[in-house]
Amino acid sequence: MLAVVKKPPIEFTVQGEIPDKYLKLLKKDFGPALSILEDGETLPVTDMDWYREIEEKETPGTTLRFYRTLHKMTQENLAARLGVTKQKISNMEHNAKPISRKTAYQLSAVFGISPGRFI
């Protein structure tokens, strides 16, 4: 069993056979900040704090940068593939210019994901 508490400024993990009296105490004191996993059980990534923090900061531009980097493409490579300038790619990644619907469809074809990720 694994018990994890994340409640700033407190963060700790307890592993192994955790007696019921301690689990009750943890539940009482930390409530929703406590995650308890049985052996072999996993927590969905969407329930993890770090994922929520990243998701809040995600924009079409950061999504573009992520997939471009994941596919080991430079801004120049992607610009050439789309028939646009490197500056346009940079502006979209930095959210200085929005990603048009047409460009979103082009990007979805390049990266194999839904065009909605870029809008």
N, C-alpha and C. Protein backbone atom coordinates (compact mmCIF):
# COMPACT_ATOMS: atom_id res chain seq x y z
N MET A 1 0.85 -1.17 0.00
CA MET A 1 0.00 0.00 0.00
C MET A 1 0.90 1.24 0.00
N LEU A 2 0.38 2.29 -0.63
CA LEU A 2 1.11 3.54 -0.72
C LEU A 2 0.17 4.67 -0.34
N ALA A 3 0.57 5.50 0.61
CA ALA A 3 -0.20 6.68 1.00
C ALA A 3 0.65 7.91 0.73
N VAL A 4 0.10 8.85 -0.02
CA VAL A 4 0.83 10.05 -0.41
C VAL A 4 0.03 11.27 0.02
N VAL A 5 0.69 12.20 0.71
CA VAL A 5 0.06 13.46 1.11
C VAL A 5 0.79 14.59 0.40
N LYS A 6 0.01 15.43 -0.29
CA LYS A 6 0.57 16.62 -0.94
C LYS A 6 -0.31 17.79 -0.57
N LYS A 7 0.12 18.52 0.41
CA LYS A 7 -0.62 19.69 0.88
C LYS A 7 0.43 20.70 1.34
N PRO A 8 0.77 21.65 0.46
CA PRO A 8 1.85 22.58 0.84
C PRO A 8 1.64 23.15 2.23
N PRO A 9 2.69 23.22 3.01
CA PRO A 9 4.08 22.88 2.73
C PRO A 9 4.43 21.44 3.09
N ILE A 10 3.43 20.57 3.21
CA ILE A 10 3.66 19.18 3.63
C ILE A 10 3.58 18.27 2.42
N GLU A 11 4.56 17.37 2.30
CA GLU A 11 4.51 16.33 1.29
C GLU A 11 5.27 15.13 1.83
N PHE A 12 4.57 14.00 1.95
CA PHE A 12 5.25 12.79 2.39
C PHE A 12 4.56 11.56 1.83
N THR A 13 5.31 10.45 1.86
CA THR A 13 4.83 9.18 1.34
C THR A 13 5.08 8.10 2.39
N VAL A 14 4.10 7.21 2.55
CA VAL A 14 4.23 6.07 3.45
C VAL A 14 3.97 4.83 2.62
N GLN A 15 4.87 3.86 2.68
CA GLN A 15 4.71 2.63 1.91
C GLN A 15 4.75 1.42 2.83
N GLY A 16 4.09 0.36 2.39
CA GLY A 16 4.13 -0.90 3.12
C GLY A 16 2.80 -1.20 3.78
N GLU A 17 2.84 -2.00 4.82
CA GLU A 17 1.65 -2.36 5.59
C GLU A 17 1.33 -1.20 6.52
N ILE A 18 0.31 -0.42 6.18
CA ILE A 18 -0.05 0.76 6.98
C ILE A 18 -1.24 0.38 7.87
N PRO A 19 -1.05 0.42 9.18
CA PRO A 19 -2.15 0.06 10.09
C PRO A 19 -3.37 0.97 9.89
N ASP A 20 -4.56 0.38 10.06
CA ASP A 20 -5.81 1.12 9.87
C ASP A 20 -5.89 2.39 10.72
N LYS A 21 -5.38 2.34 11.96
CA LYS A 21 -5.48 3.52 12.82
C LYS A 21 -4.72 4.70 12.22
N TYR A 22 -3.60 4.44 11.53
CA TYR A 22 -2.85 5.52 10.90
C TYR A 22 -3.54 6.01 9.63
N LEU A 23 -4.13 5.09 8.88
CA LEU A 23 -4.87 5.49 7.69
C LEU A 23 -6.05 6.39 8.07
N LYS A 24 -6.76 6.03 9.12
CA LYS A 24 -7.89 6.84 9.58
C LYS A 24 -7.41 8.24 9.99
N LEU A 25 -6.30 8.28 10.68
CA LEU A 25 -5.73 9.56 11.12
C LEU A 25 -5.34 10.41 9.91
N LEU A 26 -4.69 9.81 8.92
CA LEU A 26 -4.31 10.52 7.71
C LEU A 26 -5.54 11.05 6.96
N LYS A 27 -6.56 10.21 6.84
CA LYS A 27 -7.79 10.63 6.16
C LYS A 27 -8.44 11.80 6.88
N LYS A 28 -8.46 11.72 8.22
CA LYS A 28 -9.08 12.78 9.02
C LYS A 28 -8.31 14.10 8.88
N ASP A 29 -7.00 14.02 8.96
CA ASP A 29 -6.18 15.23 8.95
C ASP A 29 -5.96 15.84 7.55
N PHE A 30 -5.89 14.99 6.51
CA PHE A 30 -5.51 15.50 5.20
C PHE A 30 -6.60 15.40 4.14
N GLY A 31 -7.66 14.68 4.38
CA GLY A 31 -8.79 14.61 3.46
C GLY A 31 -8.41 14.43 2.01
N PRO A 32 -8.83 15.36 1.12
CA PRO A 32 -8.59 15.20 -0.32
C PRO A 32 -7.13 15.32 -0.73
N ALA A 33 -6.27 15.79 0.15
CA ALA A 33 -4.85 15.89 -0.18
C ALA A 33 -4.16 14.53 -0.07
N LEU A 34 -4.90 13.51 0.42
CA LEU A 34 -4.35 12.17 0.62
C LEU A 34 -4.75 11.26 -0.52
N SER A 35 -3.78 10.57 -1.10
CA SER A 35 -4.03 9.54 -2.11
C SER A 35 -3.58 8.21 -1.54
N ILE A 36 -4.46 7.22 -1.61
CA ILE A 36 -4.11 5.89 -1.12
C ILE A 36 -4.23 4.90 -2.27
N LEU A 37 -3.16 4.17 -2.53
CA LEU A 37 -3.14 3.18 -3.59
C LEU A 37 -2.83 1.81 -3.00
N GLU A 38 -3.59 0.82 -3.41
CA GLU A 38 -3.31 -0.55 -3.00
C GLU A 38 -2.15 -1.06 -3.85
N ASP A 39 -1.51 -2.13 -3.42
CA ASP A 39 -0.39 -2.69 -4.17
C ASP A 39 -0.81 -2.99 -5.61
N GLY A 40 -0.01 -2.54 -6.56
CA GLY A 40 -0.26 -2.78 -7.96
C GLY A 40 -1.23 -1.80 -8.60
N GLU A 41 -1.88 -0.98 -7.80
CA GLU A 41 -2.84 0.00 -8.31
C GLU A 41 -2.08 1.24 -8.76
N THR A 42 -2.56 1.86 -9.81
CA THR A 42 -1.93 3.09 -10.29
C THR A 42 -2.94 4.23 -10.27
N LEU A 43 -2.43 5.41 -10.16
CA LEU A 43 -3.24 6.62 -10.16
C LEU A 43 -3.27 7.16 -11.58
N PRO A 44 -4.46 7.45 -12.13
CA PRO A 44 -4.51 8.01 -13.49
C PRO A 44 -3.72 9.32 -13.56
N VAL A 45 -3.01 9.50 -14.66
CA VAL A 45 -2.17 10.68 -14.81
C VAL A 45 -2.99 11.96 -14.68
N THR A 46 -4.25 11.93 -15.12
CA THR A 46 -5.09 13.13 -15.05
C THR A 46 -5.45 13.52 -13.62
N ASP A 47 -5.23 12.62 -12.67
CA ASP A 47 -5.50 12.91 -11.26
C ASP A 47 -4.26 13.41 -10.51
N MET A 48 -3.12 13.45 -11.19
CA MET A 48 -1.88 13.84 -10.53
C MET A 48 -1.72 15.36 -10.56
N ASP A 49 -1.22 15.90 -9.47
CA ASP A 49 -1.07 17.36 -9.34
C ASP A 49 -0.21 17.96 -10.44
N TRP A 50 0.92 17.30 -10.76
CA TRP A 50 1.81 17.86 -11.77
C TRP A 50 1.10 17.95 -13.12
N TYR A 51 0.24 16.99 -13.44
CA TYR A 51 -0.49 17.02 -14.71
C TYR A 51 -1.47 18.19 -14.72
N ARG A 52 -2.17 18.40 -13.62
CA ARG A 52 -3.12 19.51 -13.54
C ARG A 52 -2.41 20.85 -13.71
N GLU A 53 -1.23 20.99 -13.12
CA GLU A 53 -0.47 22.23 -13.24
C GLU A 53 -0.06 22.48 -14.69
N ILE A 54 0.39 21.44 -15.36
CA ILE A 54 0.80 21.57 -16.75
C ILE A 54 -0.41 21.87 -17.63
N GLU A 55 -1.52 21.18 -17.37
CA GLU A 55 -2.72 21.38 -18.17
C GLU A 55 -3.23 22.82 -18.09
N GLU A 56 -3.12 23.42 -16.89
CA GLU A 56 -3.55 24.81 -16.72
C GLU A 56 -2.71 25.76 -17.56
N LYS A 57 -1.46 25.43 -17.77
CA LYS A 57 -0.55 26.30 -18.51
C LYS A 57 -0.53 25.99 -20.01
N GLU A 58 -1.21 24.90 -20.42
CA GLU A 58 -1.17 24.48 -21.81
C GLU A 58 -1.95 25.45 -22.70
N THR A 59 -1.33 25.83 -23.78
CA THR A 59 -1.94 26.71 -24.78
C THR A 59 -1.73 26.04 -26.14
N PRO A 60 -2.40 26.51 -27.18
CA PRO A 60 -2.12 25.95 -28.51
C PRO A 60 -0.64 26.07 -28.87
N GLY A 61 -0.01 27.17 -28.48
CA GLY A 61 1.42 27.35 -28.78
C GLY A 61 2.31 26.37 -28.05
N THR A 62 2.03 26.10 -26.78
CA THR A 62 2.86 25.13 -26.04
C THR A 62 2.62 23.72 -26.58
N THR A 63 1.39 23.46 -27.04
CA THR A 63 1.10 22.15 -27.65
C THR A 63 1.90 22.00 -28.93
N LEU A 64 1.92 23.05 -29.73
CA LEU A 64 2.70 23.03 -30.98
C LEU A 64 4.17 22.78 -30.69
N ARG A 65 4.73 23.52 -29.75
CA ARG A 65 6.15 23.35 -29.41
C ARG A 65 6.42 21.92 -28.92
N PHE A 66 5.52 21.38 -28.08
CA PHE A 66 5.70 20.03 -27.54
C PHE A 66 5.77 19.00 -28.68
N TYR A 67 4.79 19.05 -29.60
CA TYR A 67 4.77 18.05 -30.67
C TYR A 67 5.90 18.25 -31.67
N ARG A 68 6.26 19.49 -31.93
CA ARG A 68 7.39 19.74 -32.84
C ARG A 68 8.67 19.15 -32.25
N THR A 69 8.88 19.38 -30.96
CA THR A 69 10.07 18.86 -30.28
C THR A 69 10.03 17.34 -30.20
N LEU A 70 8.85 16.80 -29.90
CA LEU A 70 8.68 15.34 -29.81
C LEU A 70 9.05 14.67 -31.13
N HIS A 71 8.72 15.32 -32.23
CA HIS A 71 9.03 14.77 -33.55
C HIS A 71 10.41 15.20 -34.06
N LYS A 72 11.20 15.79 -33.15
CA LYS A 72 12.58 16.18 -33.46
C LYS A 72 12.66 17.09 -34.71
N MET A 73 11.74 18.03 -34.75
CA MET A 73 11.72 18.99 -35.86
C MET A 73 12.15 20.36 -35.35
N THR A 74 12.86 21.08 -36.19
CA THR A 74 13.18 22.47 -35.87
C THR A 74 12.03 23.34 -36.37
N GLN A 75 12.03 24.59 -35.95
CA GLN A 75 11.02 25.51 -36.47
C GLN A 75 11.17 25.64 -37.98
N GLU A 76 12.41 25.65 -38.46
CA GLU A 76 12.65 25.75 -39.90
C GLU A 76 12.08 24.54 -40.63
N ASN A 77 12.29 23.33 -40.08
CA ASN A 77 11.76 22.11 -40.71
C ASN A 77 10.24 22.17 -40.82
N LEU A 78 9.60 22.53 -39.72
CA LEU A 78 8.14 22.58 -39.71
C LEU A 78 7.62 23.67 -40.64
N ALA A 79 8.28 24.82 -40.64
CA ALA A 79 7.87 25.93 -41.52
C ALA A 79 7.94 25.49 -42.98
N ALA A 80 9.01 24.82 -43.37
CA ALA A 80 9.16 24.35 -44.74
C ALA A 80 8.06 23.34 -45.09
N ARG A 81 7.75 22.49 -44.15
CA ARG A 81 6.71 21.47 -44.38
C ARG A 81 5.33 22.10 -44.56
N LEU A 82 5.07 23.19 -43.85
CA LEU A 82 3.77 23.86 -43.93
C LEU A 82 3.74 24.95 -44.99
N GLY A 83 4.90 25.32 -45.51
CA GLY A 83 4.96 26.39 -46.51
C GLY A 83 4.78 27.77 -45.91
N VAL A 84 5.30 27.94 -44.68
CA VAL A 84 5.23 29.24 -43.99
C VAL A 84 6.64 29.62 -43.54
N THR A 85 6.76 30.77 -42.91
CA THR A 85 8.07 31.20 -42.43
C THR A 85 8.36 30.65 -41.04
N LYS A 86 9.64 30.60 -40.70
CA LYS A 86 10.06 30.20 -39.36
C LYS A 86 9.47 31.16 -38.33
N GLN A 87 9.41 32.44 -38.69
CA GLN A 87 8.87 33.45 -37.79
C GLN A 87 7.41 33.16 -37.43
N LYS A 88 6.64 32.68 -38.40
CA LYS A 88 5.24 32.35 -38.12
C LYS A 88 5.15 31.20 -37.11
N ILE A 89 6.01 30.21 -37.26
CA ILE A 89 6.02 29.09 -36.31
C ILE A 89 6.38 29.62 -34.92
N SER A 90 7.41 30.46 -34.85
CA SER A 90 7.82 31.05 -33.57
C SER A 90 6.69 31.85 -32.94
N ASN A 91 6.02 32.68 -33.75
CA ASN A 91 4.91 33.49 -33.24
C ASN A 91 3.78 32.61 -32.71
N MET A 92 3.48 31.51 -33.39
CA MET A 92 2.42 30.61 -32.92
C MET A 92 2.84 29.92 -31.62
N GLU A 93 4.09 29.49 -31.53
CA GLU A 93 4.57 28.81 -30.32
C GLU A 93 4.58 29.74 -29.12
N HIS A 94 4.83 31.01 -29.35
CA HIS A 94 4.86 31.98 -28.25
C HIS A 94 3.51 32.67 -28.03
N ASN A 95 2.48 32.16 -28.71
CA ASN A 95 1.12 32.68 -28.59
C ASN A 95 1.01 34.15 -28.99
N ALA A 96 1.93 34.60 -29.83
CA ALA A 96 1.87 35.98 -30.33
C ALA A 96 0.86 36.07 -31.48
N LYS A 97 0.68 34.95 -32.19
CA LYS A 97 -0.30 34.86 -33.28
C LYS A 97 -1.11 33.59 -33.06
N PRO A 98 -2.43 33.66 -33.26
CA PRO A 98 -3.24 32.46 -33.09
C PRO A 98 -2.99 31.47 -34.23
N ILE A 99 -3.29 30.22 -33.97
CA ILE A 99 -3.17 29.18 -34.99
C ILE A 99 -4.51 29.12 -35.72
N SER A 100 -4.47 29.35 -37.01
CA SER A 100 -5.71 29.34 -37.80
C SER A 100 -6.25 27.92 -37.92
N ARG A 101 -7.49 27.84 -38.29
CA ARG A 101 -8.13 26.52 -38.46
C ARG A 101 -7.40 25.72 -39.55
N LYS A 102 -7.06 26.40 -40.65
CA LYS A 102 -6.35 25.74 -41.75
C LYS A 102 -5.01 25.19 -41.26
N THR A 103 -4.27 26.01 -40.53
CA THR A 103 -2.97 25.58 -40.01
C THR A 103 -3.13 24.45 -39.00
N ALA A 104 -4.18 24.50 -38.19
CA ALA A 104 -4.44 23.43 -37.21
C ALA A 104 -4.63 22.10 -37.93
N TYR A 105 -5.35 22.12 -39.05
CA TYR A 105 -5.55 20.88 -39.82
C TYR A 105 -4.24 20.40 -40.44
N GLN A 106 -3.42 21.33 -40.89
CA GLN A 106 -2.11 20.95 -41.44
C GLN A 106 -1.24 20.33 -40.35
N LEU A 107 -1.24 20.96 -39.16
CA LEU A 107 -0.45 20.44 -38.05
C LEU A 107 -0.95 19.06 -37.61
N SER A 108 -2.26 18.88 -37.62
CA SER A 108 -2.81 17.58 -37.21
C SER A 108 -2.36 16.48 -38.16
N ALA A 109 -2.25 16.81 -39.45
CA ALA A 109 -1.76 15.83 -40.42
C ALA A 109 -0.28 15.53 -40.20
N VAL A 110 0.50 16.55 -39.88
CA VAL A 110 1.94 16.36 -39.66
C VAL A 110 2.18 15.51 -38.41
N PHE A 111 1.46 15.80 -37.31
CA PHE A 111 1.73 15.14 -36.03
C PHE A 111 0.80 13.98 -35.71
N GLY A 112 -0.25 13.79 -36.51
CA GLY A 112 -1.15 12.66 -36.29
C GLY A 112 -2.02 12.80 -35.05
N ILE A 113 -2.44 14.02 -34.75
CA ILE A 113 -3.32 14.25 -33.61
C ILE A 113 -4.51 15.10 -34.05
N SER A 114 -5.47 15.27 -33.18
CA SER A 114 -6.66 16.05 -33.49
C SER A 114 -6.33 17.52 -33.72
N PRO A 115 -6.94 18.14 -34.73
CA PRO A 115 -6.69 19.57 -34.95
C PRO A 115 -7.16 20.43 -33.80
N GLY A 116 -8.10 19.93 -33.02
CA GLY A 116 -8.61 20.67 -31.85
C GLY A 116 -7.55 20.97 -30.82
N ARG A 117 -6.48 20.19 -30.81
CA ARG A 117 -5.38 20.43 -29.86
C ARG A 117 -4.67 21.74 -30.14
N PHE A 118 -4.80 22.28 -31.35
CA PHE A 118 -4.10 23.50 -31.72
C PHE A 118 -4.99 24.74 -31.76
N ILE A 119 -6.26 24.58 -31.42
CA ILE A 119 -7.18 25.72 -31.49
C ILE A 119 -7.56 26.16 -30.09
